[in-house]
């Protein structure tokens, strides 16, 4: 399994959804609860459906009730629907996971979804959260990141500590480069950098670092 696309219940830009589905034509698609509303708009049939379905219209629910791979969750549960979807995606042993609908709406869900990036990184699976303005990834000492101008998602590249301390931060190819820097979680030094070369390298020697490509 190469690619898994998880379509969750946050804000989903239809152009982004259409672009991702078209780019990863052979991806395994997981529809998560209200994410089915977006999938239904494009007549996309996910291979797996997960959720408690408390936020899906009756019409959409009927459209997908014939799916033979549905995991119905109880509304009283320990983990979010998106967390369960990520765990199921990891069971497929993919190389790459894209999570759509992980932002917008409730801030608590968004912050929880950022934690899912660490679960995937610790399993050595490249994972990104994408919406209309942002691509969000997480790296550590085992996973450096090369950002290429031809594939740049947004003008600004920001690095934000995810762990309390991130050390040995190296940036090259950017307007503001770093070599062996240390960032604490309460610092905003890494916000709004820009790529000036055709490629930029980001790596760390210890800790977890969020990397965001963003646009206005």
Foldseek 3Di string as FASTA:
>chain_A
DAEEEEQEQADADLVVVVVVCVVCVPHQYEYEQNSLVSCVVVVHQHLAYEYCNPPHDPVSCVVHVPRPHYHHDDPPDDDHRVLVVLVVVVVVVYQEYEYERQDHDDPVSVVVVVVSLVVCVVVVHWYWYDHQWKTKHKDFQVDKDKDFPVPQNAFFKFKAFPDQKFFQWFKPQKPDTDGGDMDGRPDRVRGGIGGNHRMMIIHTNGGMMMIMRGYD
